[in-house]
C-alpha atoms as a PDB file:
ATOM      1  CA  MET A   1      -2.139  21.108  16.420  1.00  0.00           C
ATOM      2  CA  ILE A   2      -2.350  24.008  18.775  1.00  0.00           C
ATOM      3  CA  GLY A   3      -5.552  23.022  19.990  1.00  0.00           C
ATOM      4  CA  GLU A   4      -4.797  19.070  20.180  1.00  0.00           C
ATOM      5  CA  VAL A   5      -2.079  20.839  23.411  1.00  0.00           C
ATOM      6  CA  SER A   6      -4.103  23.465  24.540  1.00  0.00           C
ATOM      7  CA  HIS A   7      -6.622  20.232  25.132  1.00  0.00           C
ATOM      8  CA  PHE A   8      -3.489  18.917  27.303  1.00  0.00           C
ATOM      9  CA  PHE A   9      -3.333  22.110  28.753  1.00  0.00           C
ATOM     10  CA  SER A  10      -6.444  21.920  30.369  1.00  0.00           C
ATOM     11  CA  ILE A  11      -6.039  18.188  30.978  1.00  0.00           C
ATOM     12  CA  LEU A  12      -3.537  18.607  33.097  1.00  0.00           C
ATOM     13  CA  ALA A  13      -4.471  21.417  34.923  1.00  0.00           C
ATOM     14  CA  SER A  14      -7.459  19.310  35.593  1.00  0.00           C
ATOM     15  CA  GLY A  15      -4.598  16.497  36.838  1.00  0.00           C
ATOM     16  CA  LEU A  16      -2.552  19.305  39.139  1.00  0.00           C
ATOM     17  CA  PHE A  17      -5.558  21.241  40.639  1.00  0.00           C
ATOM     18  CA  PHE A  18      -6.909  17.698  41.240  1.00  0.00           C
ATOM     19  CA  LEU A  19      -3.350  16.486  43.115  1.00  0.00           C
ATOM     20  CA  SER A  20      -3.370  19.801  45.076  1.00  0.00           C
ATOM     21  CA  PHE A  21      -6.407  19.196  46.337  1.00  0.00           C
ATOM     22  CA  VAL A  22      -5.677  15.453  47.641  1.00  0.00           C
ATOM     23  CA  PHE A  23      -2.443  16.786  49.178  1.00  0.00           C
ATOM     24  CA  SER A  24      -4.556  20.111  50.564  1.00  0.00           C
ATOM     25  CA  THR A  25      -5.892  17.279  52.684  1.00  0.00           C
ATOM     26  CA  ARG A  26      -3.442  16.091  54.443  1.00  0.00           C
ATOM     27  CA  THR A  27      -1.626  19.158  55.360  1.00  0.00           C
ATOM     28  CA  TYR A  28      -3.345  19.754  58.610  1.00  0.00           C
ATOM     29  CA  ASN A  29      -0.167  17.920  60.456  1.00  0.00           C
ATOM     30  CA  GLY A  30       1.826  21.136  59.917  1.00  0.00           C
ATOM     31  CA  ASN A  31       4.227  19.828  57.583  1.00  0.00           C
ATOM     32  CA  HIS A  32       5.423  22.378  55.831  1.00  0.00           C
ATOM     33  CA  ASN A  33       7.141  20.458  53.188  1.00  0.00           C
ATOM     34  CA  LEU A  34       3.569  19.543  52.029  1.00  0.00           C
ATOM     35  CA  GLU A  35       2.074  22.885  52.390  1.00  0.00           C
ATOM     36  CA  LEU A  36       4.946  23.841  49.748  1.00  0.00           C
ATOM     37  CA  LEU A  37       4.539  21.426  47.517  1.00  0.00           C
ATOM     38  CA  VAL A  38       0.891  22.473  47.814  1.00  0.00           C
ATOM     39  CA  SER A  39       1.743  25.536  46.190  1.00  0.00           C
ATOM     40  CA  ARG A  40       3.932  24.319  44.325  1.00  0.00           C
ATOM     41  CA  VAL A  41       1.445  22.257  41.685  1.00  0.00           C
ATOM     42  CA  PHE A  42      -1.612  24.571  42.066  1.00  0.00           C
ATOM     43  CA  SER A  43       0.600  27.437  40.908  1.00  0.00           C
ATOM     44  CA  TYR A  44       1.713  24.609  37.901  1.00  0.00           C
ATOM     45  CA  GLY A  45      -1.756  23.812  37.319  1.00  0.00           C
ATOM     46  CA  PHE A  46      -2.971  27.687  36.883  1.00  0.00           C
ATOM     47  CA  SER A  47       0.130  28.309  34.908  1.00  0.00           C
ATOM     48  CA  PHE A  48      -1.612  25.481  32.104  1.00  0.00           C
ATOM     49  CA  ILE A  49      -4.815  27.009  32.438  1.00  0.00           C
ATOM     50  CA  LEU A  50      -3.267  30.017  31.549  1.00  0.00           C
ATOM     51  CA  ILE A  51      -1.731  28.924  29.020  1.00  0.00           C
ATOM     52  CA  SER A  52      -4.488  26.471  27.585  1.00  0.00           C
ATOM     53  CA  PHE A  53      -6.601  30.173  28.033  1.00  0.00           C
ATOM     54  CA  LEU A  54      -4.272  31.952  25.856  1.00  0.00           C
ATOM     55  CA  LEU A  55      -3.650  29.571  22.884  1.00  0.00           C
ATOM     56  CA  TYR A  56      -7.558  29.206  22.651  1.00  0.00           C
ATOM     57  CA  VAL A  57      -7.726  32.423  22.228  1.00  0.00           C
ATOM     58  CA  TRP A  58      -5.356  32.782  20.175  1.00  0.00           C
ATOM     59  CA  LEU A  59      -7.432  30.065  17.770  1.00  0.00           C
ATOM     60  CA  ALA A  60     -10.483  32.026  18.313  1.00  0.00           C
ATOM     61  CA  ILE A  61      -8.981  35.353  16.808  1.00  0.00           C
ATOM     62  CA  GLN A  62      -7.192  32.764  13.849  1.00  0.00           C
ATOM     63  CA  SER A  63     -10.361  32.046  13.202  1.00  0.00           C
ATOM     64  CA  ASP A  64      -9.313  27.716  13.195  1.00  0.00           C
ATOM     65  CA  PHE A  65     -12.505  26.282  13.922  1.00  0.00           C
ATOM     66  CA  SER A  66     -11.092  22.728  13.697  1.00  0.00           C
ATOM     67  CA  ILE A  67     -12.308  23.734  17.787  1.00  0.00           C
ATOM     68  CA  ARG A  68     -15.721  22.744  17.891  1.00  0.00           C
ATOM     69  CA  TYR A  69     -16.789  25.424  19.960  1.00  0.00           C
ATOM     70  CA  ILE A  70     -14.969  28.500  18.140  1.00  0.00           C
ATOM     71  CA  ALA A  71     -16.797  27.350  15.308  1.00  0.00           C
ATOM     72  CA  GLU A  72     -20.181  26.741  16.521  1.00  0.00           C
ATOM     73  CA  HIS A  73     -20.065  30.043  18.473  1.00  0.00           C
ATOM     74  CA  SER A  74     -17.331  32.186  15.509  1.00  0.00           C
ATOM     75  CA  ASN A  75     -17.469  33.549  12.325  1.00  0.00           C
ATOM     76  CA  LYS A  76     -14.484  35.381   9.724  1.00  0.00           C
ATOM     77  CA  ASP A  77     -16.479  38.746  10.072  1.00  0.00           C
ATOM     78  CA  LEU A  78     -16.726  38.541  13.848  1.00  0.00           C
ATOM     79  CA  PRO A  79     -14.679  41.748  15.862  1.00  0.00           C
ATOM     80  CA  ILE A  80     -12.539  40.093  17.631  1.00  0.00           C
ATOM     81  CA  PHE A  81     -13.430  41.563  21.039  1.00  0.00           C
ATOM     82  CA  TYR A  82     -16.550  39.313  21.156  1.00  0.00           C
ATOM     83  CA  LYS A  83     -13.942  36.205  19.669  1.00  0.00           C
ATOM     84  CA  ILE A  84     -12.508  36.817  23.261  1.00  0.00           C
ATOM     85  CA  SER A  85     -15.095  37.352  25.367  1.00  0.00           C
ATOM     86  CA  SER A  86     -16.633  34.603  24.327  1.00  0.00           C
ATOM     87  CA  ILE A  87     -14.191  32.032  25.152  1.00  0.00           C
ATOM     88  CA  LEU A  88     -13.526  33.794  28.471  1.00  0.00           C
ATOM     89  CA  LEU A  89     -17.774  32.784  29.371  1.00  0.00           C
ATOM     90  CA  ILE A  90     -17.031  29.244  28.446  1.00  0.00           C
ATOM     91  CA  ILE A  91     -14.107  29.227  30.472  1.00  0.00           C
ATOM     92  CA  PHE A  92     -16.002  30.902  33.727  1.00  0.00           C
ATOM     93  CA  PHE A  93     -18.685  28.259  32.760  1.00  0.00           C
ATOM     94  CA  ASP A  94     -16.643  25.420  32.745  1.00  0.00           C
ATOM     95  CA  LEU A  95     -14.186  26.949  35.712  1.00  0.00           C
ATOM     96  CA  GLY A  96     -17.207  26.678  37.506  1.00  0.00           C
ATOM     97  CA  LEU A  97     -16.897  30.426  38.370  1.00  0.00           C
ATOM     98  CA  VAL A  98     -20.817  32.041  37.288  1.00  0.00           C
ATOM     99  CA  ASN A  99     -23.596  30.829  39.757  1.00  0.00           C
ATOM    100  CA  ASP A 100     -25.964  28.345  38.335  1.00  0.00           C
ATOM    101  CA  ALA A 101     -29.183  29.414  37.713  1.00  0.00           C
ATOM    102  CA  ASN A 102     -30.830  27.586  40.860  1.00  0.00           C
ATOM    103  CA  VAL A 103     -28.392  29.730  43.386  1.00  0.00           C
ATOM    104  CA  SER A 104     -28.792  32.701  41.118  1.00  0.00           C
ATOM    105  CA  SER A 105     -32.939  32.651  41.593  1.00  0.00           C
ATOM    106  CA  THR A 106     -32.847  31.604  45.486  1.00  0.00           C
ATOM    107  CA  LEU A 107     -31.016  34.168  46.010  1.00  0.00           C
ATOM    108  CA  PRO A 108     -32.971  37.108  46.688  1.00  0.00           C
ATOM    109  CA  SER A 109     -35.381  35.638  48.998  1.00  0.00           C
ATOM    110  CA  LEU A 110     -32.384  34.492  50.875  1.00  0.00           C
ATOM    111  CA  LEU A 111     -32.109  37.636  51.306  1.00  0.00           C
ATOM    112  CA  ILE A 112     -35.151  38.789  51.895  1.00  0.00           C
ATOM    113  CA  ASN A 113     -35.214  36.777  54.754  1.00  0.00           C
ATOM    114  CA  ILE A 114     -32.262  37.883  56.626  1.00  0.00           C
ATOM    115  CA  LEU A 115     -33.097  41.562  56.343  1.00  0.00           C
END
């Protein structure tokens, strides 16, 4: 049950982030009310993604194997630190906070060309 709630919060946060993006493209008119709406929608989206993350961490600590990712990358004997860090990694990869291999492999050549 907690897994479904966490999934729901993730999907809801994605929708709110999309709405925040759509609304933010229309703030160039100087409409102050729309800017407040964008900030509120974004903060609600961030709260929901944070709640979802904490629920996923709780499920990983409890070794709830009904979640496919936890079942594939965890076991009951794994220390809590590794369970939490596995959830952190999947969140970072899902949110795109980690560069993909193509960008990171071309980065040294770009730096050499700049220098």
